[in-house]
N, C-alpha and C. Protein backbone atom coordinates (compact mmCIF):
# COMPACT_ATOMS: atom_id res chain seq x y z
N MET A 1 -16.24 7.03 -11.98
CA MET A 1 -16.04 8.19 -11.07
C MET A 1 -16.13 7.28 -9.58
N LEU A 2 -17.02 6.49 -9.43
CA LEU A 2 -17.22 5.89 -8.11
C LEU A 2 -16.01 4.99 -7.86
N LEU A 3 -15.56 4.24 -8.76
CA LEU A 3 -14.41 3.43 -8.59
C LEU A 3 -13.19 4.28 -8.16
N CYS A 4 -12.87 5.31 -8.88
CA CYS A 4 -11.80 6.46 -8.63
C CYS A 4 -12.01 7.04 -7.20
N ALA A 5 -13.23 7.31 -6.78
CA ALA A 5 -13.49 7.93 -5.41
C ALA A 5 -13.10 6.84 -4.32
N LEU A 6 -13.54 5.48 -4.64
CA LEU A 6 -13.31 4.45 -3.67
C LEU A 6 -11.76 4.27 -3.62
N SER A 7 -11.09 4.28 -4.65
CA SER A 7 -9.68 4.02 -4.79
C SER A 7 -9.05 5.17 -4.02
N VAL A 8 -9.33 6.43 -4.13
CA VAL A 8 -8.77 7.61 -3.38
C VAL A 8 -8.98 7.43 -2.01
N SER A 9 -10.18 6.96 -1.45
CA SER A 9 -10.42 6.84 -0.19
C SER A 9 -9.59 5.80 0.48
N LEU A 10 -9.25 4.56 -0.25
CA LEU A 10 -8.63 3.68 0.34
C LEU A 10 -7.24 4.07 0.55
N LEU A 11 -6.67 4.79 -0.60
CA LEU A 11 -5.38 5.34 -0.34
C LEU A 11 -5.17 6.22 0.82
N LEU A 12 -6.15 7.12 1.14
CA LEU A 12 -6.02 7.95 2.26
C LEU A 12 -6.37 7.34 3.71
N VAL A 13 -7.24 6.44 3.69
CA VAL A 13 -7.58 5.74 4.89
C VAL A 13 -6.74 4.77 5.46
N LEU A 14 -6.29 3.73 4.47
CA LEU A 14 -5.56 2.72 5.05
C LEU A 14 -4.11 3.05 5.02
N PRO A 15 -3.53 2.47 6.28
CA PRO A 15 -2.10 2.64 6.57
C PRO A 15 -1.24 1.78 5.61
N VAL A 16 -0.12 2.10 5.19
CA VAL A 16 0.82 1.27 4.51
C VAL A 16 1.70 0.78 5.60
N GLN A 17 1.61 -0.57 5.67
CA GLN A 17 2.40 -1.24 6.40
C GLN A 17 3.35 -2.24 5.99
N ALA A 18 4.39 -2.80 6.50
CA ALA A 18 5.11 -3.80 5.89
C ALA A 18 4.34 -5.11 5.97
N GLN A 19 4.50 -5.87 4.89
CA GLN A 19 3.68 -7.17 4.69
C GLN A 19 4.70 -8.22 4.97
N SER A 20 4.39 -9.01 5.78
CA SER A 20 5.40 -10.41 6.03
C SER A 20 5.06 -11.33 4.91
N ASP A 21 5.96 -12.21 4.90
CA ASP A 21 5.86 -13.29 3.86
C ASP A 21 4.64 -14.17 4.24
N GLU A 22 4.26 -14.38 5.24
CA GLU A 22 3.27 -15.23 5.67
C GLU A 22 1.86 -14.70 5.44
N GLU A 23 1.87 -13.21 5.50
CA GLU A 23 0.60 -12.52 5.34
C GLU A 23 0.24 -12.59 3.86
N GLU A 24 -0.99 -13.26 3.27
CA GLU A 24 -1.31 -13.42 1.94
C GLU A 24 -2.41 -12.67 1.44
N LYS A 25 -3.30 -12.16 2.40
CA LYS A 25 -4.45 -11.46 2.18
C LYS A 25 -3.91 -10.03 2.07
N SER A 26 -4.61 -9.29 0.86
CA SER A 26 -4.21 -7.88 0.52
C SER A 26 -5.24 -7.34 -0.34
N VAL A 27 -5.33 -5.96 -0.36
CA VAL A 27 -6.02 -5.14 -1.16
C VAL A 27 -5.17 -4.38 -1.99
N GLU A 28 -5.34 -4.26 -3.34
CA GLU A 28 -4.47 -3.65 -4.15
C GLU A 28 -5.09 -2.67 -5.00
N PHE A 29 -4.49 -1.56 -5.48
CA PHE A 29 -4.89 -0.58 -6.31
C PHE A 29 -4.04 -0.43 -7.58
N PHE A 30 -4.50 -0.44 -8.79
CA PHE A 30 -3.75 -0.11 -9.96
C PHE A 30 -4.10 1.10 -10.68
N GLY A 31 -3.30 1.97 -10.97
CA GLY A 31 -3.54 2.99 -11.88
C GLY A 31 -2.44 3.26 -12.90
N GLY A 32 -2.99 3.59 -14.11
CA GLY A 32 -1.95 3.84 -15.16
C GLY A 32 -2.62 4.27 -16.42
N TYR A 33 -1.75 4.29 -17.51
CA TYR A 33 -2.07 4.62 -18.80
C TYR A 33 -2.54 3.38 -19.60
N GLY A 34 -3.64 3.75 -20.29
CA GLY A 34 -4.17 2.70 -21.18
C GLY A 34 -4.31 3.14 -22.64
N ARG A 35 -4.18 2.19 -23.55
CA ARG A 35 -4.45 2.43 -25.10
C ARG A 35 -5.30 1.43 -25.43
N VAL A 36 -6.37 1.84 -26.37
CA VAL A 36 -7.26 0.73 -26.78
C VAL A 36 -7.41 0.92 -28.18
N THR A 37 -7.20 -0.26 -28.88
CA THR A 37 -7.25 -0.40 -30.31
C THR A 37 -8.68 -1.09 -30.52
N THR A 38 -9.47 -0.53 -31.27
CA THR A 38 -10.75 -1.09 -31.47
C THR A 38 -11.20 -1.43 -33.09
N GLY A 39 -12.03 -2.22 -33.31
CA GLY A 39 -12.35 -2.59 -34.71
C GLY A 39 -13.89 -2.55 -34.41
N ASP A 40 -14.56 -1.32 -34.31
CA ASP A 40 -15.87 -1.19 -33.91
C ASP A 40 -16.56 -1.34 -35.31
N ARG A 41 -17.98 -1.10 -35.21
CA ARG A 41 -18.82 -1.24 -36.33
C ARG A 41 -18.56 -0.40 -37.54
N CYS A 42 -17.98 0.83 -37.46
CA CYS A 42 -17.99 1.66 -38.65
C CYS A 42 -16.53 2.16 -38.73
N CYS A 43 -15.69 1.85 -37.75
CA CYS A 43 -14.41 2.49 -37.98
C CYS A 43 -13.45 1.70 -37.21
N VAL A 44 -12.25 1.82 -37.60
CA VAL A 44 -11.07 1.12 -36.78
C VAL A 44 -10.03 2.29 -36.33
N GLY A 45 -9.71 2.15 -35.00
CA GLY A 45 -8.70 3.12 -34.69
C GLY A 45 -8.32 2.93 -33.20
N SER A 46 -7.51 3.95 -32.77
CA SER A 46 -6.87 3.84 -31.29
C SER A 46 -7.27 4.89 -30.55
N ALA A 47 -7.22 4.75 -29.22
CA ALA A 47 -7.74 5.72 -28.25
C ALA A 47 -6.81 5.80 -27.07
N HIS A 48 -6.51 6.78 -26.43
CA HIS A 48 -5.66 6.76 -25.34
C HIS A 48 -6.28 7.25 -24.09
N GLY A 49 -6.03 6.78 -22.83
CA GLY A 49 -6.62 7.26 -21.63
C GLY A 49 -5.98 6.64 -20.46
N PHE A 50 -6.88 6.29 -19.42
CA PHE A 50 -6.45 5.77 -18.08
C PHE A 50 -7.01 4.29 -17.98
N HIS A 51 -6.48 3.61 -17.10
CA HIS A 51 -6.78 2.34 -16.60
C HIS A 51 -6.66 2.29 -15.12
N LEU A 52 -7.75 1.88 -14.39
CA LEU A 52 -7.78 1.89 -12.98
C LEU A 52 -8.38 0.44 -12.60
N GLY A 53 -7.75 0.10 -11.49
CA GLY A 53 -8.28 -1.29 -10.95
C GLY A 53 -8.09 -1.50 -9.47
N ILE A 54 -8.94 -2.17 -8.94
CA ILE A 54 -8.75 -2.49 -7.51
C ILE A 54 -9.21 -4.06 -7.26
N GLY A 55 -8.51 -4.58 -6.31
CA GLY A 55 -8.78 -6.08 -6.21
C GLY A 55 -8.41 -6.52 -4.68
N TYR A 56 -9.04 -7.55 -4.25
CA TYR A 56 -8.62 -8.34 -3.09
C TYR A 56 -8.11 -9.67 -3.22
N THR A 57 -6.99 -9.91 -2.54
CA THR A 57 -6.25 -11.28 -2.67
C THR A 57 -6.42 -12.06 -1.58
N PRO A 58 -7.32 -13.07 -1.65
CA PRO A 58 -7.66 -13.85 -0.58
C PRO A 58 -6.64 -14.88 -0.20
N ILE A 59 -5.69 -15.28 -1.33
CA ILE A 59 -4.54 -16.23 -1.30
C ILE A 59 -3.62 -15.76 -2.13
N ARG A 60 -2.31 -15.85 -1.95
CA ARG A 60 -1.22 -15.41 -2.65
C ARG A 60 -1.19 -15.29 -4.15
N PHE A 61 -1.87 -16.51 -4.90
CA PHE A 61 -1.86 -16.56 -6.22
C PHE A 61 -3.15 -16.03 -6.99
N LEU A 62 -4.11 -15.71 -6.24
CA LEU A 62 -5.45 -15.21 -6.70
C LEU A 62 -5.95 -13.81 -6.41
N LEU A 63 -6.17 -13.07 -7.27
CA LEU A 63 -6.80 -11.60 -7.08
C LEU A 63 -8.13 -11.74 -7.64
N LEU A 64 -9.11 -11.22 -6.81
CA LEU A 64 -10.52 -10.95 -7.33
C LEU A 64 -10.63 -9.55 -7.57
N GLY A 65 -10.77 -9.14 -8.64
CA GLY A 65 -10.63 -7.69 -8.98
C GLY A 65 -11.73 -7.01 -10.00
N ALA A 66 -11.77 -5.67 -10.03
CA ALA A 66 -12.66 -5.00 -10.90
C ALA A 66 -11.66 -3.92 -11.52
N ASP A 67 -12.03 -3.52 -12.83
CA ASP A 67 -11.30 -2.63 -13.34
C ASP A 67 -12.15 -1.73 -14.40
N PHE A 68 -11.56 -0.45 -14.56
CA PHE A 68 -12.32 0.51 -15.29
C PHE A 68 -11.42 1.00 -16.21
N SER A 69 -11.59 1.25 -17.47
CA SER A 69 -10.72 1.92 -18.28
C SER A 69 -11.65 2.94 -19.33
N HIS A 70 -10.97 4.18 -19.51
CA HIS A 70 -11.70 5.16 -20.35
C HIS A 70 -10.47 5.64 -21.26
N ALA A 71 -10.76 5.48 -22.58
CA ALA A 71 -9.84 6.16 -23.47
C ALA A 71 -10.62 7.00 -24.50
N GLU A 72 -9.90 8.04 -25.05
CA GLU A 72 -10.64 8.88 -25.79
C GLU A 72 -9.95 8.89 -27.19
N GLY A 73 -10.61 8.96 -28.40
CA GLY A 73 -10.09 8.89 -29.79
C GLY A 73 -10.29 10.27 -30.24
N THR A 74 -10.36 10.52 -31.61
CA THR A 74 -10.58 11.65 -32.24
C THR A 74 -12.03 12.25 -32.21
N GLY A 75 -12.37 13.57 -32.12
CA GLY A 75 -13.67 13.96 -32.08
C GLY A 75 -14.09 13.69 -30.66
N GLN A 76 -15.47 13.19 -30.65
CA GLN A 76 -16.13 12.83 -29.38
C GLN A 76 -16.14 11.25 -29.22
N ALA A 77 -15.18 10.56 -29.87
CA ALA A 77 -15.00 9.06 -29.88
C ALA A 77 -14.49 8.74 -28.43
N TYR A 78 -15.02 7.65 -28.03
CA TYR A 78 -14.38 7.21 -26.76
C TYR A 78 -14.70 5.58 -26.58
N VAL A 79 -13.88 4.85 -25.71
CA VAL A 79 -14.22 3.55 -25.44
C VAL A 79 -14.01 3.47 -23.93
N ARG A 80 -15.13 2.78 -23.28
CA ARG A 80 -15.08 2.51 -21.83
C ARG A 80 -15.24 0.96 -21.49
N HIS A 81 -14.44 0.50 -20.69
CA HIS A 81 -14.59 -0.99 -20.19
C HIS A 81 -14.65 -0.91 -18.75
N PHE A 82 -15.77 -1.61 -18.38
CA PHE A 82 -15.84 -1.98 -16.75
C PHE A 82 -16.07 -3.54 -16.69
N HIS A 83 -15.11 -4.17 -16.04
CA HIS A 83 -14.95 -5.63 -16.00
C HIS A 83 -14.69 -6.06 -14.52
N VAL A 84 -15.07 -7.24 -14.29
CA VAL A 84 -14.54 -7.83 -13.09
C VAL A 84 -14.21 -9.40 -13.35
N GLY A 85 -13.50 -9.79 -12.45
CA GLY A 85 -13.00 -11.22 -12.75
C GLY A 85 -11.84 -11.66 -11.89
N PRO A 86 -11.48 -12.90 -12.10
CA PRO A 86 -10.38 -13.44 -11.32
C PRO A 86 -8.97 -13.26 -12.06
N GLN A 87 -7.90 -13.01 -11.41
CA GLN A 87 -6.63 -12.94 -11.98
C GLN A 87 -5.63 -14.05 -11.17
N VAL A 88 -4.93 -14.78 -12.06
CA VAL A 88 -4.08 -15.66 -11.31
C VAL A 88 -2.74 -15.33 -11.55
N ARG A 89 -1.97 -15.39 -10.45
CA ARG A 89 -0.59 -14.96 -10.42
C ARG A 89 0.30 -16.11 -10.08
N ILE A 90 1.71 -15.95 -10.57
CA ILE A 90 2.72 -17.01 -10.35
C ILE A 90 3.87 -16.06 -9.76
N PRO A 91 3.76 -15.76 -8.45
CA PRO A 91 4.96 -14.93 -7.97
C PRO A 91 6.24 -15.72 -8.01
N VAL A 92 7.24 -14.97 -8.72
CA VAL A 92 8.65 -15.49 -8.83
C VAL A 92 9.58 -14.60 -8.29
N LYS A 93 10.15 -14.50 -7.11
CA LYS A 93 10.87 -13.45 -6.38
C LYS A 93 10.19 -12.14 -6.80
N SER A 94 10.92 -11.21 -7.46
CA SER A 94 10.36 -9.90 -7.58
C SER A 94 9.49 -9.70 -8.69
N LEU A 95 9.05 -10.74 -9.41
CA LEU A 95 8.32 -10.62 -10.66
C LEU A 95 6.89 -11.48 -10.24
N ARG A 96 5.77 -10.88 -10.91
CA ARG A 96 4.45 -11.43 -10.70
C ARG A 96 3.80 -11.45 -11.94
N PRO A 97 4.09 -12.48 -12.98
CA PRO A 97 3.28 -12.68 -14.22
C PRO A 97 2.06 -13.10 -13.68
N PHE A 98 0.85 -12.66 -14.57
CA PHE A 98 -0.47 -12.93 -14.45
C PHE A 98 -1.22 -13.10 -15.64
N GLY A 99 -2.31 -13.85 -15.52
CA GLY A 99 -3.46 -14.08 -16.49
C GLY A 99 -4.78 -13.84 -15.79
N ARG A 100 -5.73 -13.41 -16.73
CA ARG A 100 -7.02 -13.02 -16.10
C ARG A 100 -8.13 -13.38 -17.08
N VAL A 101 -9.26 -13.55 -16.62
CA VAL A 101 -10.47 -13.72 -17.22
C VAL A 101 -11.41 -12.52 -16.90
N LEU A 102 -11.97 -11.86 -17.77
CA LEU A 102 -12.78 -10.73 -17.62
C LEU A 102 -14.46 -10.65 -18.05
N ALA A 103 -15.38 -10.27 -17.35
CA ALA A 103 -16.63 -10.13 -17.76
C ALA A 103 -17.23 -8.86 -17.37
N GLY A 104 -17.98 -8.04 -18.24
CA GLY A 104 -18.68 -6.98 -17.87
C GLY A 104 -19.28 -6.22 -19.10
N VAL A 105 -18.97 -4.79 -19.18
CA VAL A 105 -19.72 -3.92 -20.07
C VAL A 105 -18.74 -3.20 -20.79
N THR A 106 -18.97 -3.07 -22.00
CA THR A 106 -18.24 -2.02 -22.90
C THR A 106 -19.09 -1.09 -23.51
N ASP A 107 -18.63 0.27 -23.52
CA ASP A 107 -19.24 1.34 -24.10
C ASP A 107 -18.44 2.08 -25.04
N HIS A 108 -19.11 2.17 -26.29
CA HIS A 108 -18.24 2.71 -27.42
C HIS A 108 -19.07 4.07 -27.98
N ARG A 109 -18.37 4.96 -28.20
CA ARG A 109 -19.13 6.22 -29.03
C ARG A 109 -17.90 6.40 -30.16
N SER A 110 -18.50 6.19 -31.36
CA SER A 110 -17.84 6.32 -32.53
C SER A 110 -18.38 7.40 -33.60
N ASN A 111 -17.33 8.11 -34.27
CA ASN A 111 -17.71 8.97 -35.30
C ASN A 111 -17.56 8.22 -36.65
N CYS A 112 -18.89 7.83 -37.17
CA CYS A 112 -18.88 7.08 -38.39
C CYS A 112 -19.07 7.87 -39.70
N GLN A 113 -18.44 7.74 -40.67
CA GLN A 113 -18.61 8.52 -41.83
C GLN A 113 -19.70 7.91 -42.79
N LEU A 114 -20.80 8.61 -42.89
CA LEU A 114 -22.02 8.12 -43.76
C LEU A 114 -22.13 9.28 -44.82
N GLY A 115 -21.56 8.71 -45.94
CA GLY A 115 -21.57 9.76 -47.05
C GLY A 115 -20.59 10.96 -46.81
N THR A 116 -21.05 12.13 -46.70
CA THR A 116 -20.16 13.25 -46.37
C THR A 116 -20.26 13.72 -44.90
N ASP A 117 -21.12 12.96 -44.06
CA ASP A 117 -21.39 13.47 -42.73
C ASP A 117 -20.78 12.51 -41.76
N LEU A 118 -20.10 13.12 -40.55
CA LEU A 118 -19.76 12.21 -39.53
C LEU A 118 -20.94 12.10 -38.61
N VAL A 119 -21.19 10.77 -38.20
CA VAL A 119 -22.54 10.77 -37.41
C VAL A 119 -22.00 9.79 -36.10
N PRO A 120 -22.29 10.51 -34.98
CA PRO A 120 -21.86 9.79 -33.76
C PRO A 120 -22.83 8.55 -33.43
N ILE A 121 -22.20 7.55 -33.20
CA ILE A 121 -23.01 6.32 -32.70
C ILE A 121 -22.58 5.83 -31.41
N THR A 122 -23.50 5.55 -30.51
CA THR A 122 -23.09 5.19 -29.22
C THR A 122 -23.80 3.92 -28.97
N TYR A 123 -23.03 2.96 -28.36
CA TYR A 123 -23.72 1.63 -28.03
C TYR A 123 -23.01 1.02 -26.72
N ARG A 124 -23.77 0.40 -25.89
CA ARG A 124 -23.19 -0.49 -24.79
C ARG A 124 -23.63 -1.83 -24.81
N GLU A 125 -22.57 -2.86 -24.59
CA GLU A 125 -22.90 -4.17 -24.66
C GLU A 125 -22.25 -4.97 -23.59
N SER A 126 -22.71 -5.96 -23.18
CA SER A 126 -22.06 -6.97 -22.35
C SER A 126 -20.66 -7.40 -23.17
N SER A 127 -19.70 -7.63 -22.48
CA SER A 127 -18.32 -8.23 -23.14
C SER A 127 -17.65 -9.13 -22.19
N PHE A 128 -16.82 -9.79 -22.72
CA PHE A 128 -15.92 -10.64 -21.86
C PHE A 128 -14.44 -10.54 -22.51
N GLY A 129 -13.48 -11.03 -21.72
CA GLY A 129 -12.21 -10.90 -22.10
C GLY A 129 -11.16 -11.82 -21.61
N PHE A 130 -9.87 -11.77 -22.00
CA PHE A 130 -8.83 -12.48 -21.19
C PHE A 130 -7.71 -11.72 -21.55
N GLY A 131 -6.63 -11.85 -20.72
CA GLY A 131 -5.39 -11.18 -20.87
C GLY A 131 -4.42 -11.55 -19.83
N GLY A 132 -3.36 -10.75 -19.75
CA GLY A 132 -2.20 -11.03 -18.86
C GLY A 132 -1.17 -10.00 -19.00
N GLY A 133 -0.30 -10.14 -17.98
CA GLY A 133 0.77 -9.18 -17.93
C GLY A 133 2.03 -9.48 -16.82
N LEU A 134 2.66 -8.47 -16.52
CA LEU A 134 3.78 -8.57 -15.69
C LEU A 134 3.97 -7.51 -14.76
N ASP A 135 4.09 -7.85 -13.51
CA ASP A 135 4.38 -6.75 -12.39
C ASP A 135 5.75 -6.91 -11.99
N LEU A 136 6.45 -5.95 -11.71
CA LEU A 136 7.87 -6.00 -11.16
C LEU A 136 7.91 -5.28 -9.79
N GLN A 137 8.33 -5.90 -8.66
CA GLN A 137 8.33 -5.47 -7.45
C GLN A 137 9.44 -4.39 -7.21
N VAL A 138 9.27 -3.12 -6.84
CA VAL A 138 10.17 -2.28 -6.49
C VAL A 138 10.19 -1.72 -5.07
N HIS A 139 9.30 -2.23 -4.33
CA HIS A 139 9.23 -2.03 -2.82
C HIS A 139 8.37 -3.07 -2.28
N SER A 140 8.31 -3.26 -0.96
CA SER A 140 7.54 -4.24 -0.36
C SER A 140 6.02 -4.00 -0.67
N ARG A 141 5.60 -2.85 -0.91
CA ARG A 141 4.30 -2.62 -1.10
C ARG A 141 4.02 -1.90 -2.43
N VAL A 142 4.93 -2.00 -3.41
CA VAL A 142 4.74 -1.14 -4.61
C VAL A 142 5.32 -1.97 -5.73
N TYR A 143 4.52 -2.25 -6.81
CA TYR A 143 4.98 -2.91 -8.14
C TYR A 143 4.83 -2.08 -9.24
N LEU A 144 5.57 -2.19 -10.40
CA LEU A 144 5.33 -1.40 -11.49
C LEU A 144 4.72 -2.40 -12.45
N ARG A 145 3.53 -2.12 -13.01
CA ARG A 145 3.05 -3.08 -14.16
C ARG A 145 3.79 -2.61 -15.38
N ALA A 146 4.66 -3.52 -15.69
CA ALA A 146 5.56 -3.43 -16.97
C ALA A 146 4.66 -3.31 -18.12
N PHE A 147 3.56 -4.23 -18.29
CA PHE A 147 2.72 -4.32 -19.32
C PHE A 147 1.57 -5.23 -18.98
N SER A 148 0.44 -4.86 -19.60
CA SER A 148 -0.91 -5.65 -19.45
C SER A 148 -1.55 -5.74 -20.83
N PHE A 149 -1.82 -6.75 -21.41
CA PHE A 149 -2.72 -6.87 -22.67
C PHE A 149 -4.03 -7.61 -22.43
N ASP A 150 -5.07 -7.08 -22.69
CA ASP A 150 -6.24 -7.63 -22.60
C ASP A 150 -7.01 -7.68 -24.03
N ARG A 151 -7.57 -8.69 -24.42
CA ARG A 151 -8.45 -8.93 -25.56
C ARG A 151 -9.83 -8.97 -25.07
N ILE A 152 -10.66 -8.05 -25.58
CA ILE A 152 -12.10 -7.87 -25.06
C ILE A 152 -13.03 -7.95 -26.20
N ARG A 153 -13.98 -9.04 -26.20
CA ARG A 153 -15.03 -9.30 -27.06
C ARG A 153 -16.40 -8.69 -26.72
N MET A 154 -16.85 -8.10 -27.66
CA MET A 154 -18.39 -7.68 -27.66
C MET A 154 -19.11 -8.12 -28.80
N GLU A 155 -20.13 -8.87 -28.73
CA GLU A 155 -20.79 -9.42 -29.94
C GLU A 155 -20.06 -9.67 -31.03
N ASP A 156 -19.78 -9.01 -32.06
CA ASP A 156 -18.96 -9.41 -33.41
C ASP A 156 -17.72 -8.66 -33.53
N GLU A 157 -17.15 -8.03 -32.52
CA GLU A 157 -15.91 -7.35 -32.65
C GLU A 157 -14.92 -7.47 -31.33
N TRP A 158 -13.71 -7.14 -31.54
CA TRP A 158 -12.76 -7.30 -30.54
C TRP A 158 -12.02 -5.83 -30.22
N ASP A 159 -11.67 -5.70 -29.04
CA ASP A 159 -10.91 -4.55 -28.72
C ASP A 159 -9.55 -5.17 -28.10
N LEU A 160 -8.50 -4.43 -28.24
CA LEU A 160 -7.24 -4.81 -27.56
C LEU A 160 -6.81 -3.65 -26.84
N ARG A 161 -6.64 -4.01 -25.35
CA ARG A 161 -6.30 -2.94 -24.46
C ARG A 161 -4.91 -3.30 -23.91
N ALA A 162 -4.05 -2.23 -23.94
CA ALA A 162 -2.60 -2.34 -23.47
C ALA A 162 -2.57 -1.26 -22.37
N SER A 163 -1.94 -1.59 -21.32
CA SER A 163 -1.69 -0.45 -20.24
C SER A 163 -0.37 -0.90 -19.48
N PHE A 164 0.09 0.12 -18.74
CA PHE A 164 1.26 -0.02 -17.79
C PHE A 164 0.69 1.09 -16.65
N GLY A 165 1.50 0.88 -15.61
CA GLY A 165 1.26 1.77 -14.51
C GLY A 165 1.76 1.33 -13.09
N VAL A 166 1.18 1.56 -12.03
CA VAL A 166 1.65 1.34 -10.69
C VAL A 166 0.71 0.48 -9.95
N VAL A 167 1.05 -0.46 -9.17
CA VAL A 167 0.40 -1.33 -8.33
C VAL A 167 0.60 -1.11 -6.82
N LEU A 168 -0.38 -0.60 -6.11
CA LEU A 168 0.10 -0.33 -4.74
C LEU A 168 -0.86 -1.30 -3.79
N LEU A 169 0.08 -2.01 -2.96
CA LEU A 169 -0.56 -3.03 -1.90
C LEU A 169 -0.98 -2.08 -0.70
N MET A 170 -2.24 -2.34 -0.25
CA MET A 170 -2.73 -1.32 0.65
C MET A 170 -2.54 -2.22 2.10
N PHE A 171 -3.00 -3.41 2.41
CA PHE A 171 -2.88 -4.04 3.50
C PHE A 171 -2.79 -5.61 3.26
């Protein structure tokens, strides 16, 4: 919620100005749809939700960012990821392929079958991951994130997060 409130504040407060080619520093916001496939302790499944991110670009090819995703599965099951880390980009005309390394926290709630009962199990663990994707420029300040895939590891299991959405450059 805090990340969402901060992002909306930035959207309302910061003017959207044209960015010259010489200007390299910027703040950007990402928002979009996310799908998580998880192989957690007692069940394997998919969940759908949102993926938000905010980042600062000190130089053209490097973004220092934070992201949050929340995806809900069946029943009361959910998966949440909060991560920070660097993202390296290789801008080629209107394309921005990127790769990133993530570190943070993952929160799972699963409905596990124990005998004939469904038992909710919740756990939170530190996690790390890596991933990449592709942004397509549609305006000087707007990119479409065509796809992003992240492989996130906690203790002895992996999550796969896929997302797409819109990237806005703030200044």
